[in-house]
Amino acid sequence: MSSSFFTFTSAFTLGIMGLMLHRVHFLSALLCLEGMMLSLFIAISLWSMKTGMGSYFSIPMFLLTFSACEAGVGLALMVATTRTHGTDHLKNLNLLQC
């Protein structure tokens, strides 16, 4: 296993572990998701450079675009839930309650 593959796999795994174990605030969940997307972006960028095909160079930019949209939507949801519930704690969010 190469060192770059191990680094990106461990960064992605740490993002998932942070998302599973530290679910206190909505902002920490969003930061873990952004860390996962950043590790995916770097891994796909290096993969497209390694293959050397010109058609694969647009894939990391699409991923980065979707990641920016995901971050914007996540921050908008965090602001909306903070205004309605008064806090960004995930334990206060209940999907069964209107």
PDB file of N, CA and C in Angstrom:
ATOM      1  N   MET A   1       0.852  -1.174   0.000  1.00  0.00           N
ATOM      2  CA  MET A   1       0.000   0.000   0.000  1.00  0.00           C
ATOM      3  C   MET A   1       0.897   1.236   0.000  1.00  0.00           C
ATOM      4  N   SER A   2       0.631   2.154  -0.899  1.00  0.00           N
ATOM      5  CA  SER A   2       1.444   3.356  -0.970  1.00  0.00           C
ATOM      6  C   SER A   2       1.096   4.308   0.169  1.00  0.00           C
ATOM      7  N   SER A   3       2.020   5.213   0.445  1.00  0.00           N
ATOM      8  CA  SER A   3       1.809   6.130   1.570  1.00  0.00           C
ATOM      9  C   SER A   3       0.698   7.137   1.281  1.00  0.00           C
ATOM     10  N   SER A   4       0.549   7.548   0.037  1.00  0.00           N
ATOM     11  CA  SER A   4      -0.521   8.501  -0.269  1.00  0.00           C
ATOM     12  C   SER A   4      -1.897   7.843  -0.131  1.00  0.00           C
ATOM     13  N   PHE A   5      -2.014   6.599  -0.558  1.00  0.00           N
ATOM     14  CA  PHE A   5      -3.283   5.882  -0.399  1.00  0.00           C
ATOM     15  C   PHE A   5      -3.622   5.710   1.078  1.00  0.00           C
ATOM     16  N   PHE A   6      -2.622   5.371   1.886  1.00  0.00           N
ATOM     17  CA  PHE A   6      -2.838   5.228   3.324  1.00  0.00           C
ATOM     18  C   PHE A   6      -3.237   6.556   3.955  1.00  0.00           C
ATOM     19  N   THR A   7      -2.626   7.645   3.530  1.00  0.00           N
ATOM     20  CA  THR A   7      -2.935   8.961   4.091  1.00  0.00           C
ATOM     21  C   THR A   7      -4.368   9.368   3.792  1.00  0.00           C
ATOM     22  N   PHE A   8      -4.812   9.211   2.558  1.00  0.00           N
ATOM     23  CA  PHE A   8      -6.170   9.615   2.200  1.00  0.00           C
ATOM     24  C   PHE A   8      -7.214   8.681   2.795  1.00  0.00           C
ATOM     25  N   THR A   9      -6.883   7.402   2.888  1.00  0.00           N
ATOM     26  CA  THR A   9      -7.812   6.466   3.520  1.00  0.00           C
ATOM     27  C   THR A   9      -7.958   6.769   4.997  1.00  0.00           C
ATOM     28  N   SER A  10      -6.851   7.064   5.662  1.00  0.00           N
ATOM     29  CA  SER A  10      -6.936   7.377   7.090  1.00  0.00           C
ATOM     30  C   SER A  10      -7.628   8.710   7.323  1.00  0.00           C
ATOM     31  N   ALA A  11      -7.427   9.699   6.446  1.00  0.00           N
ATOM     32  CA  ALA A  11      -8.117  10.988   6.604  1.00  0.00           C
ATOM     33  C   ALA A  11      -9.623  10.817   6.417  1.00  0.00           C
ATOM     34  N   PHE A  12     -10.020  10.025   5.442  1.00  0.00           N
ATOM     35  CA  PHE A  12     -11.442   9.768   5.226  1.00  0.00           C
ATOM     36  C   PHE A  12     -12.044   8.997   6.398  1.00  0.00           C
ATOM     37  N   THR A  13     -11.300   8.008   6.903  1.00  0.00           N
ATOM     38  CA  THR A  13     -11.765   7.222   8.038  1.00  0.00           C
ATOM     39  C   THR A  13     -11.877   8.077   9.296  1.00  0.00           C
ATOM     40  N   LEU A  14     -10.929   8.974   9.514  1.00  0.00           N
ATOM     41  CA  LEU A  14     -11.013   9.883  10.661  1.00  0.00           C
ATOM     42  C   LEU A  14     -12.216  10.810  10.547  1.00  0.00           C
ATOM     43  N   GLY A  15     -12.551  11.235   9.346  1.00  0.00           N
ATOM     44  CA  GLY A  15     -13.752  12.039   9.147  1.00  0.00           C
ATOM     45  C   GLY A  15     -15.016  11.280   9.491  1.00  0.00           C
ATOM     46  N   ILE A  16     -15.073  10.011   9.078  1.00  0.00           N
ATOM     47  CA  ILE A  16     -16.241   9.184   9.397  1.00  0.00           C
ATOM     48  C   ILE A  16     -16.322   8.932  10.900  1.00  0.00           C
ATOM     49  N   MET A  17     -15.169   8.637  11.516  1.00  0.00           N
ATOM     50  CA  MET A  17     -15.158   8.395  12.966  1.00  0.00           C
ATOM     51  C   MET A  17     -15.567   9.653  13.730  1.00  0.00           C
ATOM     52  N   GLY A  18     -15.109  10.808  13.299  1.00  0.00           N
ATOM     53  CA  GLY A  18     -15.512  12.055  13.935  1.00  0.00           C
ATOM     54  C   GLY A  18     -16.997  12.319  13.774  1.00  0.00           C
ATOM     55  N   LEU A  19     -17.541  11.955  12.630  1.00  0.00           N
ATOM     56  CA  LEU A  19     -18.969  12.135  12.389  1.00  0.00           C
ATOM     57  C   LEU A  19     -19.791  11.189  13.262  1.00  0.00           C
ATOM     58  N   MET A  20     -19.281   9.994  13.488  1.00  0.00           N
ATOM     59  CA  MET A  20     -20.020   9.028  14.303  1.00  0.00           C
ATOM     60  C   MET A  20     -19.890   9.298  15.800  1.00  0.00           C
ATOM     61  N   LEU A  21     -18.715   9.690  16.250  1.00  0.00           N
ATOM     62  CA  LEU A  21     -18.458   9.765  17.686  1.00  0.00           C
ATOM     63  C   LEU A  21     -18.687  11.143  18.300  1.00  0.00           C
ATOM     64  N   HIS A  22     -18.465  12.197  17.560  1.00  0.00           N
ATOM     65  CA  HIS A  22     -18.569  13.549  18.111  1.00  0.00           C
ATOM     66  C   HIS A  22     -19.754  14.286  17.513  1.00  0.00           C
ATOM     67  N   ARG A  23     -20.937  13.774  17.770  1.00  0.00           N
ATOM     68  CA  ARG A  23     -22.148  14.363  17.197  1.00  0.00           C
ATOM     69  C   ARG A  23     -22.846  15.244  18.224  1.00  0.00           C
ATOM     70  N   VAL A  24     -22.147  16.223  18.747  1.00  0.00           N
ATOM     71  CA  VAL A  24     -22.756  17.117  19.726  1.00  0.00           C
ATOM     72  C   VAL A  24     -23.320  18.342  19.031  1.00  0.00           C
ATOM     73  N   HIS A  25     -22.502  18.987  18.228  1.00  0.00           N
ATOM     74  CA  HIS A  25     -22.911  20.208  17.535  1.00  0.00           C
ATOM     75  C   HIS A  25     -23.067  19.936  16.046  1.00  0.00           C
ATOM     76  N   PHE A  26     -23.957  20.689  15.448  1.00  0.00           N
ATOM     77  CA  PHE A  26     -24.185  20.585  14.005  1.00  0.00           C
ATOM     78  C   PHE A  26     -22.958  21.046  13.231  1.00  0.00           C
ATOM     79  N   LEU A  27     -22.245  22.039  13.772  1.00  0.00           N
ATOM     80  CA  LEU A  27     -21.054  22.555  13.104  1.00  0.00           C
ATOM     81  C   LEU A  27     -19.940  21.515  13.067  1.00  0.00           C
ATOM     82  N   SER A  28     -19.776  20.729  14.121  1.00  0.00           N
ATOM     83  CA  SER A  28     -18.739  19.693  14.107  1.00  0.00           C
ATOM     84  C   SER A  28     -19.070  18.601  13.089  1.00  0.00           C
ATOM     85  N   ALA A  29     -20.348  18.295  12.915  1.00  0.00           N
ATOM     86  CA  ALA A  29     -20.738  17.330  11.885  1.00  0.00           C
ATOM     87  C   ALA A  29     -20.434  17.874  10.491  1.00  0.00           C
ATOM     88  N   LEU A  30     -20.692  19.160  10.282  1.00  0.00           N
ATOM     89  CA  LEU A  30     -20.380  19.759   8.983  1.00  0.00           C
ATOM     90  C   LEU A  30     -18.881  19.787   8.712  1.00  0.00           C
ATOM     91  N   LEU A  31     -18.083  20.042   9.742  1.00  0.00           N
ATOM     92  CA  LEU A  31     -16.630  20.045   9.568  1.00  0.00           C
ATOM     93  C   LEU A  31     -16.100  18.651   9.241  1.00  0.00           C
ATOM     94  N   CYS A  32     -16.671  17.631   9.841  1.00  0.00           N
ATOM     95  CA  CYS A  32     -16.258  16.262   9.510  1.00  0.00           C
ATOM     96  C   CYS A  32     -16.620  15.920   8.070  1.00  0.00           C
ATOM     97  N   LEU A  33     -17.784  16.358   7.623  1.00  0.00           N
ATOM     98  CA  LEU A  33     -18.164  16.128   6.222  1.00  0.00           C
ATOM     99  C   LEU A  33     -17.234  16.863   5.266  1.00  0.00           C
ATOM    100  N   GLU A  34     -16.832  18.068   5.620  1.00  0.00           N
ATOM    101  CA  GLU A  34     -15.910  18.815   4.765  1.00  0.00           C
ATOM    102  C   GLU A  34     -14.533  18.172   4.731  1.00  0.00           C
ATOM    103  N   GLY A  35     -14.096  17.616   5.849  1.00  0.00           N
ATOM    104  CA  GLY A  35     -12.823  16.890   5.857  1.00  0.00           C
ATOM    105  C   GLY A  35     -12.868  15.663   4.965  1.00  0.00           C
ATOM    106  N   MET A  36     -14.000  14.968   4.975  1.00  0.00           N
ATOM    107  CA  MET A  36     -14.154  13.815   4.101  1.00  0.00           C
ATOM    108  C   MET A  36     -14.143  14.237   2.630  1.00  0.00           C
ATOM    109  N   MET A  37     -14.822  15.311   2.320  1.00  0.00           N
ATOM    110  CA  MET A  37     -14.848  15.776   0.932  1.00  0.00           C
ATOM    111  C   MET A  37     -13.466  16.269   0.482  1.00  0.00           C
ATOM    112  N   LEU A  38     -12.723  16.901   1.388  1.00  0.00           N
ATOM    113  CA  LEU A  38     -11.378  17.361   1.036  1.00  0.00           C
ATOM    114  C   LEU A  38     -10.450  16.190   0.762  1.00  0.00           C
ATOM    115  N   SER A  39     -10.534  15.141   1.563  1.00  0.00           N
ATOM    116  CA  SER A  39      -9.691  13.973   1.304  1.00  0.00           C
ATOM    117  C   SER A  39     -10.080  13.295  -0.006  1.00  0.00           C
ATOM    118  N   LEU A  40     -11.387  13.242  -0.307  1.00  0.00           N
ATOM    119  CA  LEU A  40     -11.813  12.690  -1.598  1.00  0.00           C
ATOM    120  C   LEU A  40     -11.330  13.541  -2.771  1.00  0.00           C
ATOM    121  N   PHE A  41     -11.372  14.860  -2.606  1.00  0.00           N
ATOM    122  CA  PHE A  41     -10.915  15.753  -3.671  1.00  0.00           C
ATOM    123  C   PHE A  41      -9.433  15.552  -3.957  1.00  0.00           C
ATOM    124  N   ILE A  42      -8.626  15.483  -2.914  1.00  0.00           N
ATOM    125  CA  ILE A  42      -7.187  15.311  -3.118  1.00  0.00           C
ATOM    126  C   ILE A  42      -6.890  13.942  -3.710  1.00  0.00           C
ATOM    127  N   ALA A  43      -7.593  12.908  -3.248  1.00  0.00           N
ATOM    128  CA  ALA A  43      -7.362  11.567  -3.783  1.00  0.00           C
ATOM    129  C   ALA A  43      -7.746  11.479  -5.259  1.00  0.00           C
ATOM    130  N   ILE A  44      -8.868  12.051  -5.622  1.00  0.00           N
ATOM    131  CA  ILE A  44      -9.292  11.994  -7.027  1.00  0.00           C
ATOM    132  C   ILE A  44      -8.402  12.872  -7.898  1.00  0.00           C
ATOM    133  N   SER A  45      -7.919  13.990  -7.358  1.00  0.00           N
ATOM    134  CA  SER A  45      -6.994  14.835  -8.118  1.00  0.00           C
ATOM    135  C   SER A  45      -5.694  14.104  -8.407  1.00  0.00           C
ATOM    136  N   LEU A  46      -5.150  13.441  -7.407  1.00  0.00           N
ATOM    137  CA  LEU A  46      -3.917  12.688  -7.636  1.00  0.00           C
ATOM    138  C   LEU A  46      -4.143  11.493  -8.555  1.00  0.00           C
ATOM    139  N   TRP A  47      -5.314  10.873  -8.451  1.00  0.00           N
ATOM    140  CA  TRP A  47      -5.617   9.751  -9.334  1.00  0.00           C
ATOM    141  C   TRP A  47      -5.708  10.215 -10.788  1.00  0.00           C
ATOM    142  N   SER A  48      -6.349  11.374 -11.008  1.00  0.00           N
ATOM    143  CA  SER A  48      -6.476  11.854 -12.389  1.00  0.00           C
ATOM    144  C   SER A  48      -5.127  12.296 -12.943  1.00  0.00           C
ATOM    145  N   MET A  49      -4.259  12.823 -12.085  1.00  0.00           N
ATOM    146  CA  MET A  49      -2.914  13.175 -12.555  1.00  0.00           C
ATOM    147  C   MET A  49      -2.087  11.921 -12.838  1.00  0.00           C
ATOM    148  N   LYS A  50      -2.318  10.881 -12.056  1.00  0.00           N
ATOM    149  CA  LYS A  50      -1.559   9.641 -12.221  1.00  0.00           C
ATOM    150  C   LYS A  50      -1.943   8.914 -13.510  1.00  0.00           C
ATOM    151  N   THR A  51      -3.230   8.950 -13.855  1.00  0.00           N
ATOM    152  CA  THR A  51      -3.650   8.277 -15.077  1.00  0.00           C
ATOM    153  C   THR A  51      -3.205   9.035 -16.315  1.00  0.00           C
ATOM    154  N   GLY A  52      -3.168  10.366 -16.226  1.00  0.00           N
ATOM    155  CA  GLY A  52      -2.667  11.160 -17.338  1.00  0.00           C
ATOM    156  C   GLY A  52      -3.639  11.360 -18.478  1.00  0.00           C
ATOM    157  N   MET A  53      -4.864  10.938 -18.316  1.00  0.00           N
ATOM    158  CA  MET A  53      -5.849  11.135 -19.366  1.00  0.00           C
ATOM    159  C   MET A  53      -6.501  12.504 -19.202  1.00  0.00           C
ATOM    160  N   GLY A  54      -6.670  13.215 -20.269  1.00  0.00           N
ATOM    161  CA  GLY A  54      -7.229  14.558 -20.221  1.00  0.00           C
ATOM    162  C   GLY A  54      -8.697  14.619 -19.852  1.00  0.00           C
ATOM    163  N   SER A  55      -9.420  13.532 -20.081  1.00  0.00           N
ATOM    164  CA  SER A  55     -10.859  13.547 -19.798  1.00  0.00           C
ATOM    165  C   SER A  55     -11.148  13.439 -18.304  1.00  0.00           C
ATOM    166  N   TYR A  56     -10.179  13.012 -17.504  1.00  0.00           N
ATOM    167  CA  TYR A  56     -10.407  12.856 -16.075  1.00  0.00           C
ATOM    168  C   TYR A  56     -10.096  14.118 -15.273  1.00  0.00           C
ATOM    169  N   PHE A  57      -9.583  15.162 -15.892  1.00  0.00           N
ATOM    170  CA  PHE A  57      -9.196  16.358 -15.147  1.00  0.00           C
ATOM    171  C   PHE A  57     -10.388  17.185 -14.689  1.00  0.00           C
ATOM    172  N   SER A  58     -11.553  16.988 -15.264  1.00  0.00           N
ATOM    173  CA  SER A  58     -12.720  17.762 -14.851  1.00  0.00           C
ATOM    174  C   SER A  58     -13.440  17.152 -13.649  1.00  0.00           C
ATOM    175  N   ILE A  59     -13.190  15.898 -13.341  1.00  0.00           N
ATOM    176  CA  ILE A  59     -13.883  15.225 -12.240  1.00  0.00           C
ATOM    177  C   ILE A  59     -13.582  15.877 -10.889  1.00  0.00           C
ATOM    178  N   PRO A  60     -12.319  16.215 -10.558  1.00  0.00           N
ATOM    179  CA  PRO A  60     -12.085  16.882  -9.271  1.00  0.00           C
ATOM    180  C   PRO A  60     -12.756  18.246  -9.166  1.00  0.00           C
ATOM    181  N   MET A  61     -12.897  18.958 -10.257  1.00  0.00           N
ATOM    182  CA  MET A  61     -13.556  20.262 -10.212  1.00  0.00           C
ATOM    183  C   MET A  61     -15.055  20.111  -9.973  1.00  0.00           C
ATOM    184  N   PHE A  62     -15.663  19.077 -10.546  1.00  0.00           N
ATOM    185  CA  PHE A  62     -17.067  18.807 -10.257  1.00  0.00           C
ATOM    186  C   PHE A  62     -17.261  18.451  -8.786  1.00  0.00           C
ATOM    187  N   LEU A  63     -16.359  17.647  -8.243  1.00  0.00           N
ATOM    188  CA  LEU A  63     -16.437  17.277  -6.835  1.00  0.00           C
ATOM    189  C   LEU A  63     -16.257  18.495  -5.938  1.00  0.00           C
ATOM    190  N   LEU A  64     -15.346  19.375  -6.292  1.00  0.00           N
ATOM    191  CA  LEU A  64     -15.130  20.595  -5.515  1.00  0.00           C
ATOM    192  C   LEU A  64     -16.340  21.521  -5.598  1.00  0.00           C
ATOM    193  N   THR A  65     -16.992  21.572  -6.742  1.00  0.00           N
ATOM    194  CA  THR A  65     -18.201  22.382  -6.893  1.00  0.00           C
ATOM    195  C   THR A  65     -19.332  21.845  -6.024  1.00  0.00           C
ATOM    196  N   PHE A  66     -19.530  20.533  -6.050  1.00  0.00           N
ATOM    197  CA  PHE A  66     -20.574  19.939  -5.211  1.00  0.00           C
ATOM    198  C   PHE A  66     -20.252  20.086  -3.731  1.00  0.00           C
ATOM    199  N   SER A  67     -18.975  20.045  -3.394  1.00  0.00           N
ATOM    200  CA  SER A  67     -18.572  20.221  -1.998  1.00  0.00           C
ATOM    201  C   SER A  67     -18.863  21.645  -1.523  1.00  0.00           C
ATOM    202  N   ALA A  68     -18.639  22.623  -2.374  1.00  0.00           N
ATOM    203  CA  ALA A  68     -18.941  24.006  -2.007  1.00  0.00           C
ATOM    204  C   ALA A  68     -20.448  24.214  -1.861  1.00  0.00           C
ATOM    205  N   CYS A  69     -21.219  23.597  -2.736  1.00  0.00           N
ATOM    206  CA  CYS A  69     -22.685  23.689  -2.617  1.00  0.00           C
ATOM    207  C   CYS A  69     -23.170  22.999  -1.352  1.00  0.00           C
ATOM    208  N   GLU A  70     -22.575  21.867  -1.016  1.00  0.00           N
ATOM    209  CA  GLU A  70     -22.941  21.153   0.200  1.00  0.00           C
ATOM    210  C   GLU A  70     -22.613  21.967   1.442  1.00  0.00           C
ATOM    211  N   ALA A  71     -21.488  22.651   1.418  1.00  0.00           N
ATOM    212  CA  ALA A  71     -21.110  23.491   2.562  1.00  0.00           C
ATOM    213  C   ALA A  71     -22.064  24.674   2.709  1.00  0.00           C
ATOM    214  N   GLY A  72     -22.452  25.280   1.601  1.00  0.00           N
ATOM    215  CA  GLY A  72     -23.394  26.395   1.662  1.00  0.00           C
ATOM    216  C   GLY A  72     -24.761  25.983   2.179  1.00  0.00           C
ATOM    217  N   VAL A  73     -25.242  24.837   1.710  1.00  0.00           N
ATOM    218  CA  VAL A  73     -26.541  24.344   2.177  1.00  0.00           C
ATOM    219  C   VAL A  73     -26.466  23.951   3.644  1.00  0.00           C
ATOM    220  N   GLY A  74     -25.355  23.340   4.048  1.00  0.00           N
ATOM    221  CA  GLY A  74     -25.193  22.949   5.445  1.00  0.00           C
ATOM    222  C   GLY A  74     -25.163  24.150   6.375  1.00  0.00           C
ATOM    223  N   LEU A  75     -24.455  25.203   5.979  1.00  0.00           N
ATOM    224  CA  LEU A  75     -24.421  26.407   6.812  1.00  0.00           C
ATOM    225  C   LEU A  75     -25.776  27.097   6.853  1.00  0.00           C
ATOM    226  N   ALA A  76     -26.499  27.082   5.751  1.00  0.00           N
ATOM    227  CA  ALA A  76     -27.839  27.671   5.750  1.00  0.00           C
ATOM    228  C   ALA A  76     -28.780  26.889   6.661  1.00  0.00           C
ATOM    229  N   LEU A  77     -28.676  25.564   6.635  1.00  0.00           N
ATOM    230  CA  LEU A  77     -29.485  24.743   7.538  1.00  0.00           C
ATOM    231  C   LEU A  77     -29.105  24.970   8.992  1.00  0.00           C
ATOM    232  N   MET A  78     -27.813  25.172   9.248  1.00  0.00           N
ATOM    233  CA  MET A  78     -27.386  25.417  10.620  1.00  0.00           C
ATOM    234  C   MET A  78     -27.921  26.747  11.132  1.00  0.00           C
ATOM    235  N   VAL A  79     -27.910  27.764  10.299  1.00  0.00           N
ATOM    236  CA  VAL A  79     -28.456  29.061  10.698  1.00  0.00           C
ATOM    237  C   VAL A  79     -29.958  28.955  10.933  1.00  0.00           C
ATOM    238  N   ALA A  80     -30.649  28.220  10.058  1.00  0.00           N
ATOM    239  CA  ALA A  80     -32.101  28.076  10.214  1.00  0.00           C
ATOM    240  C   ALA A  80     -32.459  27.312  11.480  1.00  0.00           C
ATOM    241  N   THR A  81     -31.743  26.229  11.773  1.00  0.00           N
ATOM    242  CA  THR A  81     -32.049  25.473  12.989  1.00  0.00           C
ATOM    243  C   THR A  81     -31.643  26.227  14.241  1.00  0.00           C
ATOM    244  N   THR A  82     -30.595  27.029  14.162  1.00  0.00           N
ATOM    245  CA  THR A  82     -30.206  27.832  15.322  1.00  0.00           C
ATOM    246  C   THR A  82     -31.245  28.899  15.604  1.00  0.00           C
ATOM    247  N   ARG A  83     -31.818  29.461  14.563  1.00  0.00           N
ATOM    248  CA  ARG A  83     -32.866  30.480  14.773  1.00  0.00           C
ATOM    249  C   ARG A  83     -34.151  29.876  15.303  1.00  0.00           C
ATOM    250  N   THR A  84     -34.504  28.681  14.863  1.00  0.00           N
ATOM    251  CA  THR A  84     -35.767  28.098  15.313  1.00  0.00           C
ATOM    252  C   THR A  84     -35.639  27.392  16.661  1.00  0.00           C
ATOM    253  N   HIS A  85     -34.513  26.698  16.902  1.00  0.00           N
ATOM    254  CA  HIS A  85     -34.349  25.925  18.122  1.00  0.00           C
ATOM    255  C   HIS A  85     -33.512  26.641  19.178  1.00  0.00           C
ATOM    256  N   GLY A  86     -32.786  27.667  18.820  1.00  0.00           N
ATOM    257  CA  GLY A  86     -31.986  28.411  19.770  1.00  0.00           C
ATOM    258  C   GLY A  86     -30.593  27.856  20.006  1.00  0.00           C
ATOM    259  N   THR A  87     -30.264  26.703  19.454  1.00  0.00           N
ATOM    260  CA  THR A  87     -28.945  26.097  19.628  1.00  0.00           C
ATOM    261  C   THR A  87     -28.649  25.198  18.427  1.00  0.00           C
ATOM    262  N   ASP A  88     -27.381  24.805  18.299  1.00  0.00           N
ATOM    263  CA  ASP A  88     -27.021  23.902  17.202  1.00  0.00           C
ATOM    264  C   ASP A  88     -26.716  22.492  17.704  1.00  0.00           C
ATOM    265  N   HIS A  89     -27.176  22.155  18.892  1.00  0.00           N
ATOM    266  CA  HIS A  89     -26.995  20.799  19.415  1.00  0.00           C
ATOM    267  C   HIS A  89     -27.862  19.823  18.612  1.00  0.00           C
ATOM    268  N   LEU A  90     -27.261  18.716  18.247  1.00  0.00           N
ATOM    269  CA  LEU A  90     -27.996  17.742  17.448  1.00  0.00           C
ATOM    270  C   LEU A  90     -29.026  16.965  18.258  1.00  0.00           C
ATOM    271  N   LYS A  91     -28.867  16.921  19.577  1.00  0.00           N
ATOM    272  CA  LYS A  91     -29.849  16.194  20.379  1.00  0.00           C
ATOM    273  C   LYS A  91     -31.189  16.912  20.436  1.00  0.00           C
ATOM    274  N   ASN A  92     -31.229  18.214  20.155  1.00  0.00           N
ATOM    275  CA  ASN A  92     -32.474  18.967  20.161  1.00  0.00           C
ATOM    276  C   ASN A  92     -33.266  18.824  18.867  1.00  0.00           C
ATOM    277  N   LEU A  93     -32.632  18.274  17.834  1.00  0.00           N
ATOM    278  CA  LEU A  93     -33.309  18.099  16.544  1.00  0.00           C
ATOM    279  C   LEU A  93     -34.042  16.763  16.540  1.00  0.00           C
ATOM    280  N   ASN A  94     -35.337  16.816  16.349  1.00  0.00           N
ATOM    281  CA  ASN A  94     -36.157  15.614  16.322  1.00  0.00           C
ATOM    282  C   ASN A  94     -36.972  15.640  15.037  1.00  0.00           C
ATOM    283  N   LEU A  95     -36.806  14.637  14.206  1.00  0.00           N
ATOM    284  CA  LEU A  95     -37.501  14.606  12.919  1.00  0.00           C
ATOM    285  C   LEU A  95     -38.980  14.246  13.061  1.00  0.00           C
ATOM    286  N   LEU A  96     -39.361  13.634  14.191  1.00  0.00           N
ATOM    287  CA  LEU A  96     -40.737  13.236  14.389  1.00  0.00           C
ATOM    288  C   LEU A  96     -41.601  14.375  14.914  1.00  0.00           C
ATOM    289  N   GLN A  97     -40.977  15.457  15.256  1.00  0.00           N
ATOM    290  CA  GLN A  97     -41.690  16.593  15.828  1.00  0.00           C
ATOM    291  C   GLN A  97     -41.726  17.729  14.822  1.00  0.00           C
ATOM    292  N   CYS A  98     -42.869  18.343  14.645  1.00  0.00           N
ATOM    293  CA  CYS A  98     -42.994  19.451  13.686  1.00  0.00           C
ATOM    294  C   CYS A  98     -42.647  20.770  14.312  1.00  0.00           C
TER     295      CYS A  98
END
